PDB file of N, CA and C in Angstrom:
ATOM      1  N   MET A   1       0.937  -1.173   0.155  1.00  0.00           N
ATOM      2  CA  MET A   1      -0.054   0.132  -0.036  1.00  0.00           C
ATOM      3  C   MET A   1       0.700   1.230  -0.122  1.00  0.00           C
ATOM      4  N   ASP A   2       0.539   2.178  -0.895  1.00  0.00           N
ATOM      5  CA  ASP A   2       1.323   3.267  -0.892  1.00  0.00           C
ATOM      6  C   ASP A   2       0.311   4.609  -0.062  1.00  0.00           C
ATOM      7  N   VAL A   3       1.312   5.471   0.689  1.00  0.00           N
ATOM      8  CA  VAL A   3       0.492   6.621   1.092  1.00  0.00           C
ATOM      9  C   VAL A   3       1.549   7.879   0.757  1.00  0.00           C
ATOM     10  N   MET A   4       1.002   8.360  -0.242  1.00  0.00           N
ATOM     11  CA  MET A   4       1.832   9.617  -1.079  1.00  0.00           C
ATOM     12  C   MET A   4       3.063   9.342  -1.384  1.00  0.00           C
ATOM     13  N   GLY A   5       3.459   7.917  -2.073  1.00  0.00           N
ATOM     14  CA  GLY A   5       4.590   7.478  -2.370  1.00  0.00           C
ATOM     15  C   GLY A   5       5.523   7.096  -1.484  1.00  0.00           C
ATOM     16  N   SER A   6       4.805   6.616  -0.362  1.00  0.00           N
ATOM     17  CA  SER A   6       5.568   5.992   0.766  1.00  0.00           C
ATOM     18  C   SER A   6       4.974   4.729   0.975  1.00  0.00           C
ATOM     19  N   SER A   7       5.770   3.822   1.318  1.00  0.00           N
ATOM     20  CA  SER A   7       5.104   2.354   1.900  1.00  0.00           C
ATOM     21  C   SER A   7       4.610   2.560   3.245  1.00  0.00           C
ATOM     22  N   LEU A   8       3.760   1.574   3.543  1.00  0.00           N
ATOM     23  CA  LEU A   8       2.881   1.774   4.705  1.00  0.00           C
ATOM     24  C   LEU A   8       3.820   1.794   5.855  1.00  0.00           C
ATOM     25  N   GLN A   9       3.572   2.586   7.008  1.00  0.00           N
ATOM     26  CA  GLN A   9       4.474   2.632   8.120  1.00  0.00           C
ATOM     27  C   GLN A   9       3.456   2.575   9.255  1.00  0.00           C
ATOM     28  N   VAL A  10       3.904   2.070  10.374  1.00  0.00           N
ATOM     29  CA  VAL A  10       3.149   1.878  11.746  1.00  0.00           C
ATOM     30  C   VAL A  10       2.835   3.374  12.193  1.00  0.00           C
ATOM     31  N   CYS A  11       3.721   4.349  12.019  1.00  0.00           N
ATOM     32  CA  CYS A  11       3.163   5.636  12.355  1.00  0.00           C
ATOM     33  C   CYS A  11       1.790   6.131  11.845  1.00  0.00           C
ATOM     34  N   TYR A  12       1.239   5.686  10.451  1.00  0.00           N
ATOM     35  CA  TYR A  12       0.102   6.098   9.869  1.00  0.00           C
ATOM     36  C   TYR A  12      -0.809   5.642  10.581  1.00  0.00           C
ATOM     37  N   SER A  13      -0.937   4.337  11.578  1.00  0.00           N
ATOM     38  CA  SER A  13      -1.733   3.809  12.168  1.00  0.00           C
ATOM     39  C   SER A  13      -2.380   4.918  13.068  1.00  0.00           C
ATOM     40  N   TRP A  14      -1.678   5.707  13.814  1.00  0.00           N
ATOM     41  CA  TRP A  14      -2.228   6.669  14.632  1.00  0.00           C
ATOM     42  C   TRP A  14      -2.652   7.688  13.825  1.00  0.00           C
ATOM     43  N   TRP A  15      -2.104   8.285  12.904  1.00  0.00           N
ATOM     44  CA  TRP A  15      -2.641   9.375  12.069  1.00  0.00           C
ATOM     45  C   TRP A  15      -3.725   9.216  11.465  1.00  0.00           C
ATOM     46  N   CYS A  16      -3.976   8.162  10.665  1.00  0.00           N
ATOM     47  CA  CYS A  16      -4.995   7.686   9.781  1.00  0.00           C
ATOM     48  C   CYS A  16      -6.494   7.385  10.876  1.00  0.00           C
ATOM     49  N   LEU A  17      -6.028   6.310  11.875  1.00  0.00           N
ATOM     50  CA  LEU A  17      -7.213   6.073  12.861  1.00  0.00           C
ATOM     51  C   LEU A  17      -7.806   7.247  13.648  1.00  0.00           C
ATOM     52  N   SER A  18      -6.775   8.293  13.892  1.00  0.00           N
ATOM     53  CA  SER A  18      -7.460   9.311  14.457  1.00  0.00           C
ATOM     54  C   SER A  18      -8.187  10.344  13.664  1.00  0.00           C
ATOM     55  N   ALA A  19      -7.698  10.578  12.305  1.00  0.00           N
ATOM     56  CA  ALA A  19      -8.517  11.208  11.239  1.00  0.00           C
ATOM     57  C   ALA A  19     -10.004  10.735  11.261  1.00  0.00           C
ATOM     58  N   LEU A  20      -9.937   9.266  10.949  1.00  0.00           N
ATOM     59  CA  LEU A  20     -11.251   8.630  10.848  1.00  0.00           C
ATOM     60  C   LEU A  20     -11.964   8.818  11.881  1.00  0.00           C
ATOM     61  N   SER A  21     -11.477   8.557  12.963  1.00  0.00           N
ATOM     62  CA  SER A  21     -12.276   8.724  14.332  1.00  0.00           C
ATOM     63  C   SER A  21     -12.960  10.157  14.451  1.00  0.00           C
ATOM     64  N   ILE A  22     -12.236  11.225  14.096  1.00  0.00           N
ATOM     65  CA  ILE A  22     -12.885  12.503  13.925  1.00  0.00           C
ATOM     66  C   ILE A  22     -14.132  12.695  13.087  1.00  0.00           C
ATOM     67  N   LEU A  23     -13.667  11.865  11.622  1.00  0.00           N
ATOM     68  CA  LEU A  23     -14.641  12.051  10.736  1.00  0.00           C
ATOM     69  C   LEU A  23     -15.841  11.153  11.111  1.00  0.00           C
ATOM     70  N   GLY A  24     -15.706  10.324  12.124  1.00  0.00           N
ATOM     71  CA  GLY A  24     -17.098   9.272  12.394  1.00  0.00           C
ATOM     72  C   GLY A  24     -16.681   8.050  11.303  1.00  0.00           C
ATOM     73  N   ARG A  25     -15.764   7.766  11.007  1.00  0.00           N
ATOM     74  CA  ARG A  25     -15.721   6.774   9.929  1.00  0.00           C
ATOM     75  C   ARG A  25     -14.724   5.660  10.235  1.00  0.00           C
ATOM     76  N   LEU A  26     -14.944   5.152  11.650  1.00  0.00           N
ATOM     77  CA  LEU A  26     -14.035   4.001  11.874  1.00  0.00           C
ATOM     78  C   LEU A  26     -14.381   2.631  11.267  1.00  0.00           C
ATOM     79  N   ASP A  27     -15.501   2.849  10.761  1.00  0.00           N
ATOM     80  CA  ASP A  27     -16.031   1.468   9.934  1.00  0.00           C
ATOM     81  C   ASP A  27     -15.220   1.352   8.764  1.00  0.00           C
ATOM     82  N   TRP A  28     -14.408   2.390   8.237  1.00  0.00           N
ATOM     83  CA  TRP A  28     -13.794   2.260   6.863  1.00  0.00           C
ATOM     84  C   TRP A  28     -12.307   1.708   7.032  1.00  0.00           C
ATOM     85  N   ILE A  29     -12.038   1.067   8.269  1.00  0.00           N
ATOM     86  CA  ILE A  29     -10.858   0.395   8.418  1.00  0.00           C
ATOM     87  C   ILE A  29     -11.098  -0.670   9.412  1.00  0.00           C
ATOM     88  N   ASP A  30     -10.140  -1.973   8.719  1.00  0.00           N
ATOM     89  CA  ASP A  30     -10.179  -3.169   9.615  1.00  0.00           C
ATOM     90  C   ASP A  30      -8.975  -3.054  10.875  1.00  0.00           C
ATOM     91  N   GLN A  31      -9.643  -2.797  12.031  1.00  0.00           N
ATOM     92  CA  GLN A  31      -8.921  -2.285  13.297  1.00  0.00           C
ATOM     93  C   GLN A  31      -8.404  -3.593  13.592  1.00  0.00           C
ATOM     94  N   GLN A  32      -8.781  -4.919  13.560  1.00  0.00           N
ATOM     95  CA  GLN A  32      -7.870  -5.891  13.874  1.00  0.00           C
ATOM     96  C   GLN A  32      -6.870  -6.208  13.055  1.00  0.00           C
ATOM     97  N   ALA A  33      -6.897  -5.998  11.741  1.00  0.00           N
ATOM     98  CA  ALA A  33      -5.963  -6.187  10.639  1.00  0.00           C
ATOM     99  C   ALA A  33      -4.722  -4.940  10.953  1.00  0.00           C
ATOM    100  N   LEU A  34      -5.177  -3.823  11.430  1.00  0.00           N
ATOM    101  CA  LEU A  34      -4.259  -2.831  11.979  1.00  0.00           C
ATOM    102  C   LEU A  34      -3.581  -3.204  13.100  1.00  0.00           C
ATOM    103  N   GLN A  35      -4.033  -3.864  14.101  1.00  0.00           N
ATOM    104  CA  GLN A  35      -3.536  -4.485  15.148  1.00  0.00           C
ATOM    105  C   GLN A  35      -2.325  -5.400  14.726  1.00  0.00           C
ATOM    106  N   LYS A  36      -2.756  -6.395  13.719  1.00  0.00           N
ATOM    107  CA  LYS A  36      -1.899  -7.547  13.412  1.00  0.00           C
ATOM    108  C   LYS A  36      -0.564  -6.887  13.036  1.00  0.00           C
ATOM    109  N   PHE A  37      -0.963  -5.840  11.804  1.00  0.00           N
ATOM    110  CA  PHE A  37       0.033  -4.982  11.329  1.00  0.00           C
ATOM    111  C   PHE A  37       1.146  -4.350  12.269  1.00  0.00           C
ATOM    112  N   ILE A  38       0.736  -3.853  13.416  1.00  0.00           N
ATOM    113  CA  ILE A  38       1.559  -3.063  14.339  1.00  0.00           C
ATOM    114  C   ILE A  38       2.243  -4.086  14.863  1.00  0.00           C
ATOM    115  N   LEU A  39       1.843  -5.236  15.421  1.00  0.00           N
ATOM    116  CA  LEU A  39       2.333  -6.311  16.159  1.00  0.00           C
ATOM    117  C   LEU A  39       3.290  -7.003  15.294  1.00  0.00           C
ATOM    118  N   SER A  40       3.190  -7.128  13.705  1.00  0.00           N
ATOM    119  CA  SER A  40       4.214  -7.794  13.169  1.00  0.00           C
ATOM    120  C   SER A  40       5.319  -7.056  12.870  1.00  0.00           C
ATOM    121  N   CYS A  41       5.406  -5.682  13.506  1.00  0.00           N
ATOM    122  CA  CYS A  41       6.415  -4.648  13.397  1.00  0.00           C
ATOM    123  C   CYS A  41       7.117  -4.599  14.880  1.00  0.00           C
ATOM    124  N   GLN A  42       6.870  -5.239  15.677  1.00  0.00           N
ATOM    125  CA  GLN A  42       7.416  -5.282  17.165  1.00  0.00           C
ATOM    126  C   GLN A  42       8.644  -6.459  17.061  1.00  0.00           C
ATOM    127  N   ASP A  43       9.570  -5.937  17.867  1.00  0.00           N
ATOM    128  CA  ASP A  43      10.923  -6.619  18.064  1.00  0.00           C
ATOM    129  C   ASP A  43      10.743  -7.570  19.076  1.00  0.00           C
ATOM    130  N   ASP A  44      10.534  -9.026  19.254  1.00  0.00           N
ATOM    131  CA  ASP A  44      10.075  -9.694  20.186  1.00  0.00           C
ATOM    132  C   ASP A  44      11.132 -10.025  21.122  1.00  0.00           C
ATOM    133  N   GLU A  45      12.325  -9.813  20.692  1.00  0.00           N
ATOM    134  CA  GLU A  45      13.496  -9.990  21.617  1.00  0.00           C
ATOM    135  C   GLU A  45      13.787  -8.841  22.205  1.00  0.00           C
ATOM    136  N   GLY A  46      13.992  -7.648  21.961  1.00  0.00           N
ATOM    137  CA  GLY A  46      14.633  -6.625  22.313  1.00  0.00           C
ATOM    138  C   GLY A  46      13.627  -5.563  22.641  1.00  0.00           C
ATOM    139  N   GLY A  47      12.451  -5.579  22.315  1.00  0.00           N
ATOM    140  CA  GLY A  47      11.165  -4.568  22.573  1.00  0.00           C
ATOM    141  C   GLY A  47      11.215  -3.406  21.511  1.00  0.00           C
ATOM    142  N   GLY A  48      10.068  -3.010  21.358  1.00  0.00           N
ATOM    143  CA  GLY A  48      10.245  -1.429  20.789  1.00  0.00           C
ATOM    144  C   GLY A  48       9.312  -2.103  19.279  1.00  0.00           C
ATOM    145  N   ILE A  49       9.171  -1.065  18.661  1.00  0.00           N
ATOM    146  CA  ILE A  49       8.275  -1.279  17.256  1.00  0.00           C
ATOM    147  C   ILE A  49       8.936  -0.483  16.256  1.00  0.00           C
ATOM    148  N   SER A  50       9.121  -1.029  15.172  1.00  0.00           N
ATOM    149  CA  SER A  50       9.835  -0.400  13.963  1.00  0.00           C
ATOM    150  C   SER A  50       8.454   0.246  13.012  1.00  0.00           C
ATOM    151  N   ASP A  51       9.339   0.859  11.900  1.00  0.00           N
ATOM    152  CA  ASP A  51       7.944   1.462  11.299  1.00  0.00           C
ATOM    153  C   ASP A  51       7.464   0.398  10.248  1.00  0.00           C
ATOM    154  N   ARG A  52       8.031  -0.495   9.903  1.00  0.00           N
ATOM    155  CA  ARG A  52       7.672  -1.845   9.065  1.00  0.00           C
ATOM    156  C   ARG A  52       8.007  -3.009   9.666  1.00  0.00           C
ATOM    157  N   PRO A  53       7.566  -4.216   9.181  1.00  0.00           N
ATOM    158  CA  PRO A  53       8.178  -5.435   9.857  1.00  0.00           C
ATOM    159  C   PRO A  53       9.800  -5.722   9.354  1.00  0.00           C
ATOM    160  N   ASP A  54      10.333  -6.141  10.350  1.00  0.00           N
ATOM    161  CA  ASP A  54      11.637  -6.486  10.004  1.00  0.00           C
ATOM    162  C   ASP A  54      12.695  -5.353   9.868  1.00  0.00           C
ATOM    163  N   ASP A  55      12.441  -4.100  10.286  1.00  0.00           N
ATOM    164  CA  ASP A  55      12.859  -3.081  10.127  1.00  0.00           C
ATOM    165  C   ASP A  55      13.641  -2.811  11.654  1.00  0.00           C
ATOM    166  N   MET A  56      14.614  -1.722  11.929  1.00  0.00           N
ATOM    167  CA  MET A  56      14.997  -1.112  13.422  1.00  0.00           C
ATOM    168  C   MET A  56      14.045  -0.733  14.180  1.00  0.00           C
ATOM    169  N   VAL A  57      13.768  -0.981  15.335  1.00  0.00           N
ATOM    170  CA  VAL A  57      13.083  -0.245  16.273  1.00  0.00           C
ATOM    171  C   VAL A  57      13.423   1.344  16.414  1.00  0.00           C
ATOM    172  N   ASP A  58      12.439   2.230  16.688  1.00  0.00           N
ATOM    173  CA  ASP A  58      12.778   3.228  17.302  1.00  0.00           C
ATOM    174  C   ASP A  58      11.708   3.765  18.260  1.00  0.00           C
ATOM    175  N   VAL A  59      12.088   4.953  18.713  1.00  0.00           N
ATOM    176  CA  VAL A  59      11.197   5.297  19.887  1.00  0.00           C
ATOM    177  C   VAL A  59       9.862   6.291  19.139  1.00  0.00           C
ATOM    178  N   TYR A  60      10.180   6.822  17.770  1.00  0.00           N
ATOM    179  CA  TYR A  60       9.202   7.499  17.253  1.00  0.00           C
ATOM    180  C   TYR A  60       7.860   6.420  17.206  1.00  0.00           C
ATOM    181  N   HIS A  61       8.185   5.363  16.210  1.00  0.00           N
ATOM    182  CA  HIS A  61       7.407   4.236  15.743  1.00  0.00           C
ATOM    183  C   HIS A  61       6.834   3.357  17.101  1.00  0.00           C
ATOM    184  N   THR A  62       7.827   3.265  18.164  1.00  0.00           N
ATOM    185  CA  THR A  62       7.198   2.474  19.333  1.00  0.00           C
ATOM    186  C   THR A  62       5.955   3.403  19.820  1.00  0.00           C
ATOM    187  N   PHE A  63       6.198   4.752  20.007  1.00  0.00           N
ATOM    188  CA  PHE A  63       5.022   5.591  20.426  1.00  0.00           C
ATOM    189  C   PHE A  63       3.762   5.509  19.852  1.00  0.00           C
ATOM    190  N   PHE A  64       3.860   5.754  18.474  1.00  0.00           N
ATOM    191  CA  PHE A  64       2.856   5.756  17.404  1.00  0.00           C
ATOM    192  C   PHE A  64       2.203   4.436  17.456  1.00  0.00           C
ATOM    193  N   GLY A  65       3.115   3.548  17.345  1.00  0.00           N
ATOM    194  CA  GLY A  65       2.444   1.847  17.163  1.00  0.00           C
ATOM    195  C   GLY A  65       1.651   1.598  18.633  1.00  0.00           C
ATOM    196  N   ILE A  66       2.241   2.211  19.823  1.00  0.00           N
ATOM    197  CA  ILE A  66       1.510   1.870  21.162  1.00  0.00           C
ATOM    198  C   ILE A  66       0.225   2.895  21.260  1.00  0.00           C
ATOM    199  N   ALA A  67       0.278   3.735  20.547  1.00  0.00           N
ATOM    200  CA  ALA A  67      -0.912   4.806  20.343  1.00  0.00           C
ATOM    201  C   ALA A  67      -2.132   4.510  19.313  1.00  0.00           C
ATOM    202  N   GLY A  68      -1.361   3.690  18.272  1.00  0.00           N
ATOM    203  CA  GLY A  68      -2.433   3.251  17.327  1.00  0.00           C
ATOM    204  C   GLY A  68      -3.357   1.958  18.013  1.00  0.00           C
ATOM    205  N   ILE A  69      -2.494   0.969  18.623  1.00  0.00           N
ATOM    206  CA  ILE A  69      -3.306  -0.075  19.367  1.00  0.00           C
ATOM    207  C   ILE A  69      -4.132   0.830  20.174  1.00  0.00           C
ATOM    208  N   ALA A  70      -3.742   1.449  21.202  1.00  0.00           N
ATOM    209  CA  ALA A  70      -4.695   1.853  22.129  1.00  0.00           C
ATOM    210  C   ALA A  70      -5.863   2.612  21.505  1.00  0.00           C
ATOM    211  N   ASN A  71      -5.573   3.203  20.359  1.00  0.00           N
ATOM    212  CA  ASN A  71      -6.612   3.950  19.597  1.00  0.00           C
ATOM    213  C   ASN A  71      -7.991   2.773  19.184  1.00  0.00           C
ATOM    214  N   THR A  72      -7.426   1.644  18.770  1.00  0.00           N
ATOM    215  CA  THR A  72      -8.065   0.742  18.383  1.00  0.00           C
ATOM    216  C   THR A  72      -9.081   0.128  19.357  1.00  0.00           C
ATOM    217  N   HIS A  73      -8.199  -0.200  20.637  1.00  0.00           N
ATOM    218  CA  HIS A  73      -8.818  -0.746  21.729  1.00  0.00           C
ATOM    219  C   HIS A  73     -10.139   0.254  22.339  1.00  0.00           C
ATOM    220  N   THR A  74      -9.933   1.740  22.361  1.00  0.00           N
ATOM    221  CA  THR A  74     -11.059   2.504  22.453  1.00  0.00           C
ATOM    222  C   THR A  74     -12.324   2.521  21.620  1.00  0.00           C
ATOM    223  N   HIS A  75     -11.970   2.287  20.395  1.00  0.00           N
ATOM    224  CA  HIS A  75     -13.114   2.183  19.503  1.00  0.00           C
ATOM    225  C   HIS A  75     -13.920   0.796  18.995  1.00  0.00           C
ATOM    226  N   THR A  76     -13.068  -0.317  19.534  1.00  0.00           N
ATOM    227  CA  THR A  76     -13.796  -1.520  19.008  1.00  0.00           C
ATOM    228  C   THR A  76     -14.826  -1.736  20.261  1.00  0.00           C
ATOM    229  N   HIS A  77     -15.774  -2.518  19.577  1.00  0.00           N
ATOM    230  CA  HIS A  77     -17.013  -3.059  20.397  1.00  0.00           C
ATOM    231  C   HIS A  77     -16.802  -4.512  21.149  1.00  0.00           C
ATOM    232  N   THR A  78     -15.825  -4.911  20.579  1.00  0.00           N
ATOM    233  CA  THR A  78     -15.579  -6.226  21.041  1.00  0.00           C
ATOM    234  C   THR A  78     -14.331  -6.382  21.802  1.00  0.00           C
ATOM    235  N   HIS A  79     -13.867  -7.180  22.926  1.00  0.00           N
ATOM    236  CA  HIS A  79     -12.925  -6.842  23.446  1.00  0.00           C
ATOM    237  C   HIS A  79     -11.886  -8.122  22.979  1.00  0.00           C
ATOM    238  N   THR A  80     -10.641  -7.376  22.213  1.00  0.00           N
ATOM    239  CA  THR A  80      -9.581  -7.942  21.944  1.00  0.00           C
ATOM    240  C   THR A  80      -8.532  -8.131  22.917  1.00  0.00           C
ATOM    241  N   HIS A  81      -7.704  -9.154  22.509  1.00  0.00           N
ATOM    242  CA  HIS A  81      -6.590  -9.290  23.494  1.00  0.00           C
ATOM    243  C   HIS A  81      -5.242  -9.080  22.556  1.00  0.00           C
ATOM    244  N   THR A  82      -4.437  -8.150  22.691  1.00  0.00           N
ATOM    245  CA  THR A  82      -3.606  -7.530  22.019  1.00  0.00           C
ATOM    246  C   THR A  82      -2.105  -7.646  22.775  1.00  0.00           C
ATOM    247  N   HIS A  83      -1.269  -8.555  22.228  1.00  0.00           N
ATOM    248  CA  HIS A  83      -0.038  -9.009  23.102  1.00  0.00           C
ATOM    249  C   HIS A  83       1.436  -8.018  22.696  1.00  0.00           C
ATOM    250  N   LEU A  84       1.447  -7.062  23.430  1.00  0.00           N
ATOM    251  CA  LEU A  84       2.717  -6.456  23.347  1.00  0.00           C
ATOM    252  C   LEU A  84       3.572  -6.892  24.186  1.00  0.00           C
ATOM    253  N   ARG A  85       4.750  -7.092  23.929  1.00  0.00           N
ATOM    254  CA  ARG A  85       6.157  -7.628  24.879  1.00  0.00           C
ATOM    255  C   ARG A  85       6.356  -6.494  25.595  1.00  0.00           C
ATOM    256  N   ILE A  86       6.486  -5.994  26.754  1.00  0.00           N
ATOM    257  CA  ILE A  86       6.983  -4.589  27.367  1.00  0.00           C
ATOM    258  C   ILE A  86       8.269  -5.101  28.099  1.00  0.00           C
ATOM    259  N   PHE A  87       9.277  -4.391  28.081  1.00  0.00           N
ATOM    260  CA  PHE A  87      10.453  -4.834  28.852  1.00  0.00           C
ATOM    261  C   PHE A  87      10.765  -3.645  29.439  1.00  0.00           C
ATOM    262  N   VAL A  88      10.945  -3.899  31.062  1.00  0.00           N
ATOM    263  CA  VAL A  88      11.354  -2.872  31.737  1.00  0.00           C
ATOM    264  C   VAL A  88      13.138  -3.018  31.884  1.00  0.00           C
ATOM    265  N   LEU A  89      13.993  -2.000  31.812  1.00  0.00           N
ATOM    266  CA  LEU A  89      15.300  -2.202  31.965  1.00  0.00           C
ATOM    267  C   LEU A  89      15.651  -1.698  33.409  1.00  0.00           C
ATOM    268  N   GLY A  90      16.508  -2.762  33.871  1.00  0.00           N
ATOM    269  CA  GLY A  90      17.117  -2.739  35.290  1.00  0.00           C
ATOM    270  C   GLY A  90      17.869  -1.432  35.380  1.00  0.00           C
ATOM    271  N   LYS A  91      18.245  -0.908  36.611  1.00  0.00           N
ATOM    272  CA  LYS A  91      19.030   0.358  36.851  1.00  0.00           C
ATOM    273  C   LYS A  91      20.404   0.265  36.707  1.00  0.00           C
TER     274      LYS A  91
END
């Protein structure tokens, strides 16, 4: 999928879902597929979320990936279980 000449990235999950929410058009997007895409960008070993699957994680995309998943949970009518691996670094 292309968004203005750019390949699909996790950060678009937040931007697009938020805009659709404002427009009252959340039915235009498959929120479970969006969750699946975001989780496919997660680094299962070291934590964090990348812009697209198999890329290097970064803070920007981790933030917007979590925000996108949180926004899908806010607007879904069914209870879904999303599995984010959260790591806490020691002191």
